[in-house]
Each structure stands twice: as structure tokens, then as C-alpha cells.
Amino acid sequence: MATNTFDELRKKLEESIKSFPYIYMFKFIIKSDNRTMALVEAIFDNDADIIQKQSSKGNYISITVKQVVMSVDEIIDIYEKAAVIEGVISL
């Protein structure tokens, strides 16, 4: 995601989330790769709920993560960390 995308996301989050703490759902798609999966999982707290689903042909993994966040900045920070991992598509 580019910086301007983060700015748009920030505005949308500030408009939609009225109070914190908040359970936010992150979604990513990666190629089936244990290293990339480990890097994505490392972004999140130990108590985050992480669900992996492999594509029908096994080439990709969708990752859904539910984590309690304390601010919009925390959400943006996680997306920024994911953006630097090669092969991660943020939804």
C-alpha cells in the first residue's frame, strides 16, 4: 500500500471506529511459503486470532487476523509492517 492509500485508510478508520479498544480484522494473501507466513505472524501479538486458508490449488494462503487494537495508528502500523514483506497482498 502506498502512503496515500494509508492516508485514505486512516480517514476511513477514523470515521468508522468510534471507540477503542477495538477488535480489528486484517486480511492478507501470500504465496504458500512458510517463511512469509512466519513473517506475517510475527507482526501480531501472541493473543491474536490467526486463521489460514489454503487456495484450492495450494499456491496461495489467505490469512485473516483478529487482534485487539488501541488506536488507528496501531492498525496503520501493522499494515506498514506487512507492506515491506515481499509477496504480501493486503486486502
PDB file of N, CA and C in Angstrom:
ATOM      1  N   MET A   1       0.845  -1.186   0.000  1.00  0.00           N
ATOM      2  CA  MET A   1       0.000   0.000   0.000  1.00  0.00           C
ATOM      3  C   MET A   1       0.882   1.237   0.000  1.00  0.00           C
ATOM      4  N   ALA A   2       0.543   2.193  -0.800  1.00  0.00           N
ATOM      5  CA  ALA A   2       1.288   3.442  -0.860  1.00  0.00           C
ATOM      6  C   ALA A   2       0.853   4.350   0.283  1.00  0.00           C
ATOM      7  N   THR A   3       1.668   5.377   0.544  1.00  0.00           N
ATOM      8  CA  THR A   3       1.374   6.296   1.635  1.00  0.00           C
ATOM      9  C   THR A   3      -0.002   6.924   1.469  1.00  0.00           C
ATOM     10  N   ASN A   4      -0.352   7.346   0.233  1.00  0.00           N
ATOM     11  CA  ASN A   4      -1.669   7.945   0.055  1.00  0.00           C
ATOM     12  C   ASN A   4      -2.784   6.948   0.359  1.00  0.00           C
ATOM     13  N   THR A   5      -2.551   5.668   0.127  1.00  0.00           N
ATOM     14  CA  THR A   5      -3.532   4.642   0.480  1.00  0.00           C
ATOM     15  C   THR A   5      -3.674   4.569   1.998  1.00  0.00           C
ATOM     16  N   PHE A   6      -2.571   4.696   2.703  1.00  0.00           N
ATOM     17  CA  PHE A   6      -2.643   4.700   4.165  1.00  0.00           C
ATOM     18  C   PHE A   6      -3.403   5.926   4.651  1.00  0.00           C
ATOM     19  N   ASP A   7      -3.233   7.073   3.988  1.00  0.00           N
ATOM     20  CA  ASP A   7      -3.963   8.278   4.371  1.00  0.00           C
ATOM     21  C   ASP A   7      -5.464   8.078   4.183  1.00  0.00           C
ATOM     22  N   GLU A   8      -5.849   7.474   3.054  1.00  0.00           N
ATOM     23  CA  GLU A   8      -7.267   7.186   2.809  1.00  0.00           C
ATOM     24  C   GLU A   8      -7.800   6.189   3.827  1.00  0.00           C
ATOM     25  N   LEU A   9      -7.003   5.158   4.096  1.00  0.00           N
ATOM     26  CA  LEU A   9      -7.404   4.166   5.087  1.00  0.00           C
ATOM     27  C   LEU A   9      -7.560   4.815   6.457  1.00  0.00           C
ATOM     28  N   ARG A  10      -6.630   5.675   6.828  1.00  0.00           N
ATOM     29  CA  ARG A  10      -6.699   6.363   8.127  1.00  0.00           C
ATOM     30  C   ARG A  10      -8.020   7.126   8.249  1.00  0.00           C
ATOM     31  N   LYS A  11      -8.386   7.874   7.216  1.00  0.00           N
ATOM     32  CA  LYS A  11      -9.632   8.644   7.249  1.00  0.00           C
ATOM     33  C   LYS A  11     -10.838   7.732   7.421  1.00  0.00           C
ATOM     34  N   LYS A  12     -10.861   6.624   6.664  1.00  0.00           N
ATOM     35  CA  LYS A  12     -11.980   5.697   6.761  1.00  0.00           C
ATOM     36  C   LYS A  12     -12.072   5.070   8.148  1.00  0.00           C
ATOM     37  N   LEU A  13     -10.913   4.714   8.705  1.00  0.00           N
ATOM     38  CA  LEU A  13     -10.904   4.109  10.040  1.00  0.00           C
ATOM     39  C   LEU A  13     -11.362   5.107  11.096  1.00  0.00           C
ATOM     40  N   GLU A  14     -10.888   6.347  10.993  1.00  0.00           N
ATOM     41  CA  GLU A  14     -11.279   7.371  11.973  1.00  0.00           C
ATOM     42  C   GLU A  14     -12.768   7.658  11.919  1.00  0.00           C
ATOM     43  N   GLU A  15     -13.354   7.538  10.728  1.00  0.00           N
ATOM     44  CA  GLU A  15     -14.795   7.759  10.585  1.00  0.00           C
ATOM     45  C   GLU A  15     -15.610   6.571  11.091  1.00  0.00           C
ATOM     46  N   SER A  16     -15.095   5.368  10.934  1.00  0.00           N
ATOM     47  CA  SER A  16     -15.895   4.187  11.243  1.00  0.00           C
ATOM     48  C   SER A  16     -15.702   3.631  12.653  1.00  0.00           C
ATOM     49  N   ILE A  17     -14.521   3.786  13.220  1.00  0.00           N
ATOM     50  CA  ILE A  17     -14.272   3.241  14.565  1.00  0.00           C
ATOM     51  C   ILE A  17     -14.476   4.357  15.577  1.00  0.00           C
ATOM     52  N   LYS A  18     -15.466   4.181  16.413  1.00  0.00           N
ATOM     53  CA  LYS A  18     -15.843   5.243  17.352  1.00  0.00           C
ATOM     54  C   LYS A  18     -15.178   5.132  18.714  1.00  0.00           C
ATOM     55  N   SER A  19     -14.720   3.946  19.089  1.00  0.00           N
ATOM     56  CA  SER A  19     -14.086   3.816  20.405  1.00  0.00           C
ATOM     57  C   SER A  19     -13.075   2.673  20.396  1.00  0.00           C
ATOM     58  N   PHE A  20     -12.143   2.772  21.296  1.00  0.00           N
ATOM     59  CA  PHE A  20     -11.095   1.765  21.472  1.00  0.00           C
ATOM     60  C   PHE A  20     -11.111   1.309  22.911  1.00  0.00           C
ATOM     61  N   PRO A  21     -10.679   0.086  23.206  1.00  0.00           N
ATOM     62  CA  PRO A  21     -10.101  -0.921  22.322  1.00  0.00           C
ATOM     63  C   PRO A  21     -11.147  -1.437  21.335  1.00  0.00           C
ATOM     64  N   TYR A  22     -10.634  -1.981  20.216  1.00  0.00           N
ATOM     65  CA  TYR A  22     -11.473  -2.413  19.114  1.00  0.00           C
ATOM     66  C   TYR A  22     -10.876  -3.690  18.525  1.00  0.00           C
ATOM     67  N   ILE A  23     -11.722  -4.662  18.199  1.00  0.00           N
ATOM     68  CA  ILE A  23     -11.241  -5.883  17.548  1.00  0.00           C
ATOM     69  C   ILE A  23     -11.256  -5.621  16.044  1.00  0.00           C
ATOM     70  N   TYR A  24     -10.068  -5.557  15.458  1.00  0.00           N
ATOM     71  CA  TYR A  24      -9.937  -5.253  14.031  1.00  0.00           C
ATOM     72  C   TYR A  24      -9.556  -6.524  13.280  1.00  0.00           C
ATOM     73  N   MET A  25     -10.116  -6.684  12.085  1.00  0.00           N
ATOM     74  CA  MET A  25      -9.808  -7.861  11.275  1.00  0.00           C
ATOM     75  C   MET A  25      -8.920  -7.445  10.097  1.00  0.00           C
ATOM     76  N   PHE A  26      -7.740  -8.024  10.057  1.00  0.00           N
ATOM     77  CA  PHE A  26      -6.783  -7.822   8.974  1.00  0.00           C
ATOM     78  C   PHE A  26      -6.887  -8.994   8.015  1.00  0.00           C
ATOM     79  N   LYS A  27      -6.699  -8.722   6.705  1.00  0.00           N
ATOM     80  CA  LYS A  27      -6.723  -9.800   5.709  1.00  0.00           C
ATOM     81  C   LYS A  27      -5.541  -9.623   4.770  1.00  0.00           C
ATOM     82  N   PHE A  28      -4.876 -10.743   4.509  1.00  0.00           N
ATOM     83  CA  PHE A  28      -3.721 -10.763   3.616  1.00  0.00           C
ATOM     84  C   PHE A  28      -3.785 -11.996   2.734  1.00  0.00           C
ATOM     85  N   ILE A  29      -3.117 -11.920   1.593  1.00  0.00           N
ATOM     86  CA  ILE A  29      -2.917 -13.087   0.736  1.00  0.00           C
ATOM     87  C   ILE A  29      -1.421 -13.192   0.472  1.00  0.00           C
ATOM     88  N   ILE A  30      -0.896 -14.419   0.604  1.00  0.00           N
ATOM     89  CA  ILE A  30       0.517 -14.662   0.323  1.00  0.00           C
ATOM     90  C   ILE A  30       0.638 -15.929  -0.516  1.00  0.00           C
ATOM     91  N   LYS A  31       1.778 -16.086  -1.184  1.00  0.00           N
ATOM     92  CA  LYS A  31       2.066 -17.364  -1.825  1.00  0.00           C
ATOM     93  C   LYS A  31       2.314 -18.376  -0.722  1.00  0.00           C
ATOM     94  N   SER A  32       2.031 -19.629  -0.996  1.00  0.00           N
ATOM     95  CA  SER A  32       2.253 -20.676   0.007  1.00  0.00           C
ATOM     96  C   SER A  32       3.743 -20.775   0.297  1.00  0.00           C
ATOM     97  N   ASP A  33       4.137 -20.182   1.398  1.00  0.00           N
ATOM     98  CA  ASP A  33       5.548 -20.099   1.768  1.00  0.00           C
ATOM     99  C   ASP A  33       5.629 -19.953   3.287  1.00  0.00           C
ATOM    100  N   ASN A  34       6.264 -20.912   3.938  1.00  0.00           N
ATOM    101  CA  ASN A  34       6.357 -20.895   5.404  1.00  0.00           C
ATOM    102  C   ASN A  34       7.092 -19.674   5.933  1.00  0.00           C
ATOM    103  N   ARG A  35       8.126 -19.230   5.215  1.00  0.00           N
ATOM    104  CA  ARG A  35       8.898 -18.066   5.673  1.00  0.00           C
ATOM    105  C   ARG A  35       8.032 -16.811   5.685  1.00  0.00           C
ATOM    106  N   THR A  36       7.307 -16.590   4.600  1.00  0.00           N
ATOM    107  CA  THR A  36       6.434 -15.417   4.519  1.00  0.00           C
ATOM    108  C   THR A  36       5.339 -15.493   5.573  1.00  0.00           C
ATOM    109  N   MET A  37       4.790 -16.681   5.757  1.00  0.00           N
ATOM    110  CA  MET A  37       3.758 -16.873   6.773  1.00  0.00           C
ATOM    111  C   MET A  37       4.298 -16.511   8.153  1.00  0.00           C
ATOM    112  N   ALA A  38       5.495 -16.952   8.468  1.00  0.00           N
ATOM    113  CA  ALA A  38       6.109 -16.653   9.765  1.00  0.00           C
ATOM    114  C   ALA A  38       6.341 -15.156   9.935  1.00  0.00           C
ATOM    115  N   LEU A  39       6.764 -14.479   8.877  1.00  0.00           N
ATOM    116  CA  LEU A  39       6.991 -13.035   8.949  1.00  0.00           C
ATOM    117  C   LEU A  39       5.686 -12.287   9.197  1.00  0.00           C
ATOM    118  N   VAL A  40       4.620 -12.717   8.551  1.00  0.00           N
ATOM    119  CA  VAL A  40       3.322 -12.074   8.771  1.00  0.00           C
ATOM    120  C   VAL A  40       2.850 -12.325  10.201  1.00  0.00           C
ATOM    121  N   GLU A  41       2.939 -13.557  10.661  1.00  0.00           N
ATOM    122  CA  GLU A  41       2.501 -13.868  12.029  1.00  0.00           C
ATOM    123  C   GLU A  41       3.283 -13.079  13.073  1.00  0.00           C
ATOM    124  N   ALA A  42       4.550 -12.800  12.795  1.00  0.00           N
ATOM    125  CA  ALA A  42       5.401 -12.080  13.754  1.00  0.00           C
ATOM    126  C   ALA A  42       4.966 -10.633  13.955  1.00  0.00           C
ATOM    127  N   ILE A  43       4.188 -10.092  13.049  1.00  0.00           N
ATOM    128  CA  ILE A  43       3.702  -8.712  13.171  1.00  0.00           C
ATOM    129  C   ILE A  43       2.694  -8.585  14.307  1.00  0.00           C
ATOM    130  N   PHE A  44       2.008  -9.669  14.624  1.00  0.00           N
ATOM    131  CA  PHE A  44       0.866  -9.613  15.531  1.00  0.00           C
ATOM    132  C   PHE A  44       1.212 -10.077  16.939  1.00  0.00           C
ATOM    133  N   ASP A  45       0.361  -9.671  17.878  1.00  0.00           N
ATOM    134  CA  ASP A  45       0.504 -10.085  19.271  1.00  0.00           C
ATOM    135  C   ASP A  45       0.292 -11.594  19.391  1.00  0.00           C
ATOM    136  N   ASN A  46       0.788 -12.154  20.485  1.00  0.00           N
ATOM    137  CA  ASN A  46       0.634 -13.593  20.723  1.00  0.00           C
ATOM    138  C   ASN A  46      -0.824 -14.009  20.882  1.00  0.00           C
ATOM    139  N   ASP A  47      -1.677 -13.084  21.347  1.00  0.00           N
ATOM    140  CA  ASP A  47      -3.077 -13.440  21.563  1.00  0.00           C
ATOM    141  C   ASP A  47      -3.972 -13.153  20.360  1.00  0.00           C
ATOM    142  N   ALA A  48      -3.389 -12.757  19.234  1.00  0.00           N
ATOM    143  CA  ALA A  48      -4.170 -12.519  18.017  1.00  0.00           C
ATOM    144  C   ALA A  48      -4.733 -13.839  17.495  1.00  0.00           C
ATOM    145  N   ASP A  49      -5.928 -13.776  16.947  1.00  0.00           N
ATOM    146  CA  ASP A  49      -6.583 -14.952  16.364  1.00  0.00           C
ATOM    147  C   ASP A  49      -6.216 -14.993  14.877  1.00  0.00           C
ATOM    148  N   ILE A  50      -5.377 -15.953  14.491  1.00  0.00           N
ATOM    149  CA  ILE A  50      -4.877 -16.048  13.118  1.00  0.00           C
ATOM    150  C   ILE A  50      -5.457 -17.292  12.459  1.00  0.00           C
ATOM    151  N   ILE A  51      -6.142 -17.072  11.326  1.00  0.00           N
ATOM    152  CA  ILE A  51      -6.742 -18.165  10.572  1.00  0.00           C
ATOM    153  C   ILE A  51      -6.111 -18.198   9.188  1.00  0.00           C
ATOM    154  N   GLN A  52      -5.644 -19.378   8.791  1.00  0.00           N
ATOM    155  CA  GLN A  52      -5.029 -19.566   7.480  1.00  0.00           C
ATOM    156  C   GLN A  52      -5.938 -20.461   6.644  1.00  0.00           C
ATOM    157  N   LYS A  53      -6.071 -20.109   5.368  1.00  0.00           N
ATOM    158  CA  LYS A  53      -6.843 -20.956   4.461  1.00  0.00           C
ATOM    159  C   LYS A  53      -6.079 -21.053   3.150  1.00  0.00           C
ATOM    160  N   GLN A  54      -5.757 -22.277   2.784  1.00  0.00           N
ATOM    161  CA  GLN A  54      -5.003 -22.501   1.551  1.00  0.00           C
ATOM    162  C   GLN A  54      -5.952 -22.484   0.352  1.00  0.00           C
ATOM    163  N   SER A  55      -5.468 -21.951  -0.780  1.00  0.00           N
ATOM    164  CA  SER A  55      -6.275 -21.927  -2.001  1.00  0.00           C
ATOM    165  C   SER A  55      -6.505 -23.346  -2.496  1.00  0.00           C
ATOM    166  N   SER A  56      -7.461 -23.495  -3.392  1.00  0.00           N
ATOM    167  CA  SER A  56      -7.825 -24.834  -3.862  1.00  0.00           C
ATOM    168  C   SER A  56      -6.660 -25.559  -4.540  1.00  0.00           C
ATOM    169  N   LYS A  57      -5.790 -24.832  -5.224  1.00  0.00           N
ATOM    170  CA  LYS A  57      -4.627 -25.450  -5.864  1.00  0.00           C
ATOM    171  C   LYS A  57      -3.393 -25.455  -4.964  1.00  0.00           C
ATOM    172  N   GLY A  58      -3.505 -24.812  -3.793  1.00  0.00           N
ATOM    173  CA  GLY A  58      -2.400 -24.821  -2.853  1.00  0.00           C
ATOM    174  C   GLY A  58      -1.302 -23.816  -3.146  1.00  0.00           C
ATOM    175  N   ASN A  59      -1.534 -22.905  -4.081  1.00  0.00           N
ATOM    176  CA  ASN A  59      -0.500 -21.928  -4.433  1.00  0.00           C
ATOM    177  C   ASN A  59      -0.474 -20.723  -3.505  1.00  0.00           C
ATOM    178  N   TYR A  60      -1.604 -20.414  -2.885  1.00  0.00           N
ATOM    179  CA  TYR A  60      -1.728 -19.221  -2.053  1.00  0.00           C
ATOM    180  C   TYR A  60      -2.349 -19.556  -0.709  1.00  0.00           C
ATOM    181  N   ILE A  61      -2.121 -18.672   0.246  1.00  0.00           N
ATOM    182  CA  ILE A  61      -2.741 -18.784   1.560  1.00  0.00           C
ATOM    183  C   ILE A  61      -3.402 -17.448   1.865  1.00  0.00           C
ATOM    184  N   SER A  62      -4.672 -17.499   2.274  1.00  0.00           N
ATOM    185  CA  SER A  62      -5.310 -16.286   2.778  1.00  0.00           C
ATOM    186  C   SER A  62      -5.152 -16.304   4.295  1.00  0.00           C
ATOM    187  N   ILE A  63      -4.846 -15.148   4.827  1.00  0.00           N
ATOM    188  CA  ILE A  63      -4.618 -15.019   6.268  1.00  0.00           C
ATOM    189  C   ILE A  63      -5.612 -13.994   6.799  1.00  0.00           C
ATOM    190  N   THR A  64      -6.389 -14.392   7.786  1.00  0.00           N
ATOM    191  CA  THR A  64      -7.306 -13.484   8.467  1.00  0.00           C
ATOM    192  C   THR A  64      -6.853 -13.410   9.919  1.00  0.00           C
ATOM    193  N   VAL A  65      -6.665 -12.188  10.391  1.00  0.00           N
ATOM    194  CA  VAL A  65      -6.186 -11.996  11.760  1.00  0.00           C
ATOM    195  C   VAL A  65      -7.132 -11.055  12.488  1.00  0.00           C
ATOM    196  N   LYS A  66      -7.610 -11.483  13.641  1.00  0.00           N
ATOM    197  CA  LYS A  66      -8.395 -10.607  14.515  1.00  0.00           C
ATOM    198  C   LYS A  66      -7.515 -10.263  15.708  1.00  0.00           C
ATOM    199  N   GLN A  67      -7.340  -8.969  15.908  1.00  0.00           N
ATOM    200  CA  GLN A  67      -6.496  -8.514  17.018  1.00  0.00           C
ATOM    201  C   GLN A  67      -7.128  -7.296  17.668  1.00  0.00           C
ATOM    202  N   VAL A  68      -7.014  -7.218  18.977  1.00  0.00           N
ATOM    203  CA  VAL A  68      -7.468  -6.038  19.700  1.00  0.00           C
ATOM    204  C   VAL A  68      -6.444  -4.933  19.466  1.00  0.00           C
ATOM    205  N   VAL A  69      -6.945  -3.787  19.001  1.00  0.00           N
ATOM    206  CA  VAL A  69      -6.074  -2.628  18.758  1.00  0.00           C
ATOM    207  C   VAL A  69      -6.525  -1.480  19.646  1.00  0.00           C
ATOM    208  N   MET A  70      -5.582  -0.576  19.923  1.00  0.00           N
ATOM    209  CA  MET A  70      -5.861   0.540  20.822  1.00  0.00           C
ATOM    210  C   MET A  70      -5.994   1.878  20.104  1.00  0.00           C
ATOM    211  N   SER A  71      -5.678   1.899  18.792  1.00  0.00           N
ATOM    212  CA  SER A  71      -5.754   3.157  18.055  1.00  0.00           C
ATOM    213  C   SER A  71      -5.709   2.895  16.558  1.00  0.00           C
ATOM    214  N   VAL A  72      -6.088   3.907  15.796  1.00  0.00           N
ATOM    215  CA  VAL A  72      -5.965   3.841  14.341  1.00  0.00           C
ATOM    216  C   VAL A  72      -4.490   3.746  13.964  1.00  0.00           C
ATOM    217  N   ASP A  73      -3.633   4.431  14.705  1.00  0.00           N
ATOM    218  CA  ASP A  73      -2.195   4.379  14.429  1.00  0.00           C
ATOM    219  C   ASP A  73      -1.660   2.952  14.510  1.00  0.00           C
ATOM    220  N   GLU A  74      -2.169   2.176  15.449  1.00  0.00           N
ATOM    221  CA  GLU A  74      -1.730   0.784  15.587  1.00  0.00           C
ATOM    222  C   GLU A  74      -2.124  -0.035  14.358  1.00  0.00           C
ATOM    223  N   ILE A  75      -3.319   0.196  13.829  1.00  0.00           N
ATOM    224  CA  ILE A  75      -3.767  -0.503  12.620  1.00  0.00           C
ATOM    225  C   ILE A  75      -2.869  -0.143  11.445  1.00  0.00           C
ATOM    226  N   ILE A  76      -2.624   1.142  11.261  1.00  0.00           N
ATOM    227  CA  ILE A  76      -1.772   1.615  10.159  1.00  0.00           C
ATOM    228  C   ILE A  76      -0.370   1.052  10.296  1.00  0.00           C
ATOM    229  N   ASP A  77       0.152   1.011  11.515  1.00  0.00           N
ATOM    230  CA  ASP A  77       1.499   0.478  11.759  1.00  0.00           C
ATOM    231  C   ASP A  77       1.602  -0.982  11.314  1.00  0.00           C
ATOM    232  N   ILE A  78       0.580  -1.767  11.581  1.00  0.00           N
ATOM    233  CA  ILE A  78       0.588  -3.177  11.176  1.00  0.00           C
ATOM    234  C   ILE A  78       0.576  -3.289   9.653  1.00  0.00           C
ATOM    235  N   TYR A  79      -0.254  -2.493   8.997  1.00  0.00           N
ATOM    236  CA  TYR A  79      -0.277  -2.520   7.528  1.00  0.00           C
ATOM    237  C   TYR A  79       1.062  -2.071   6.938  1.00  0.00           C
ATOM    238  N   GLU A  80       1.709  -1.103   7.556  1.00  0.00           N
ATOM    239  CA  GLU A  80       3.019  -0.647   7.078  1.00  0.00           C
ATOM    240  C   GLU A  80       4.058  -1.751   7.222  1.00  0.00           C
ATOM    241  N   LYS A  81       4.023  -2.474   8.325  1.00  0.00           N
ATOM    242  CA  LYS A  81       4.956  -3.587   8.525  1.00  0.00           C
ATOM    243  C   LYS A  81       4.698  -4.702   7.510  1.00  0.00           C
ATOM    244  N   ALA A  82       3.448  -4.982   7.230  1.00  0.00           N
ATOM    245  CA  ALA A  82       3.111  -6.023   6.258  1.00  0.00           C
ATOM    246  C   ALA A  82       3.540  -5.613   4.851  1.00  0.00           C
ATOM    247  N   ALA A  83       3.480  -4.334   4.561  1.00  0.00           N
ATOM    248  CA  ALA A  83       3.794  -3.838   3.214  1.00  0.00           C
ATOM    249  C   ALA A  83       5.256  -4.061   2.834  1.00  0.00           C
ATOM    250  N   VAL A  84       6.144  -4.158   3.809  1.00  0.00           N
ATOM    251  CA  VAL A  84       7.559  -4.351   3.496  1.00  0.00           C
ATOM    252  C   VAL A  84       7.940  -5.825   3.346  1.00  0.00           C
ATOM    253  N   ILE A  85       7.002  -6.719   3.644  1.00  0.00           N
ATOM    254  CA  ILE A  85       7.258  -8.157   3.477  1.00  0.00           C
ATOM    255  C   ILE A  85       6.961  -8.504   2.023  1.00  0.00           C
ATOM    256  N   GLU A  86       7.971  -9.039   1.344  1.00  0.00           N
ATOM    257  CA  GLU A  86       7.811  -9.379  -0.066  1.00  0.00           C
ATOM    258  C   GLU A  86       6.732 -10.436  -0.264  1.00  0.00           C
ATOM    259  N   GLY A  87       5.845 -10.172  -1.212  1.00  0.00           N
ATOM    260  CA  GLY A  87       4.816 -11.141  -1.559  1.00  0.00           C
ATOM    261  C   GLY A  87       3.536 -11.062  -0.775  1.00  0.00           C
ATOM    262  N   VAL A  88       3.409 -10.065   0.114  1.00  0.00           N
ATOM    263  CA  VAL A  88       2.191  -9.925   0.902  1.00  0.00           C
ATOM    264  C   VAL A  88       1.234  -8.953   0.210  1.00  0.00           C
ATOM    265  N   ILE A  89       0.006  -9.395   0.022  1.00  0.00           N
ATOM    266  CA  ILE A  89      -1.038  -8.535  -0.532  1.00  0.00           C
ATOM    267  C   ILE A  89      -1.999  -8.237   0.606  1.00  0.00           C
ATOM    268  N   SER A  90      -2.173  -6.964   0.928  1.00  0.00           N
ATOM    269  CA  SER A  90      -3.110  -6.552   1.969  1.00  0.00           C
ATOM    270  C   SER A  90      -4.465  -6.284   1.343  1.00  0.00           C
ATOM    271  N   LEU A  91      -5.491  -6.792   1.989  1.00  0.00           N
ATOM    272  CA  LEU A  91      -6.865  -6.554   1.492  1.00  0.00           C
ATOM    273  C   LEU A  91      -7.572  -5.564   2.374  1.00  0.00           C
TER     274      LEU A  91
END
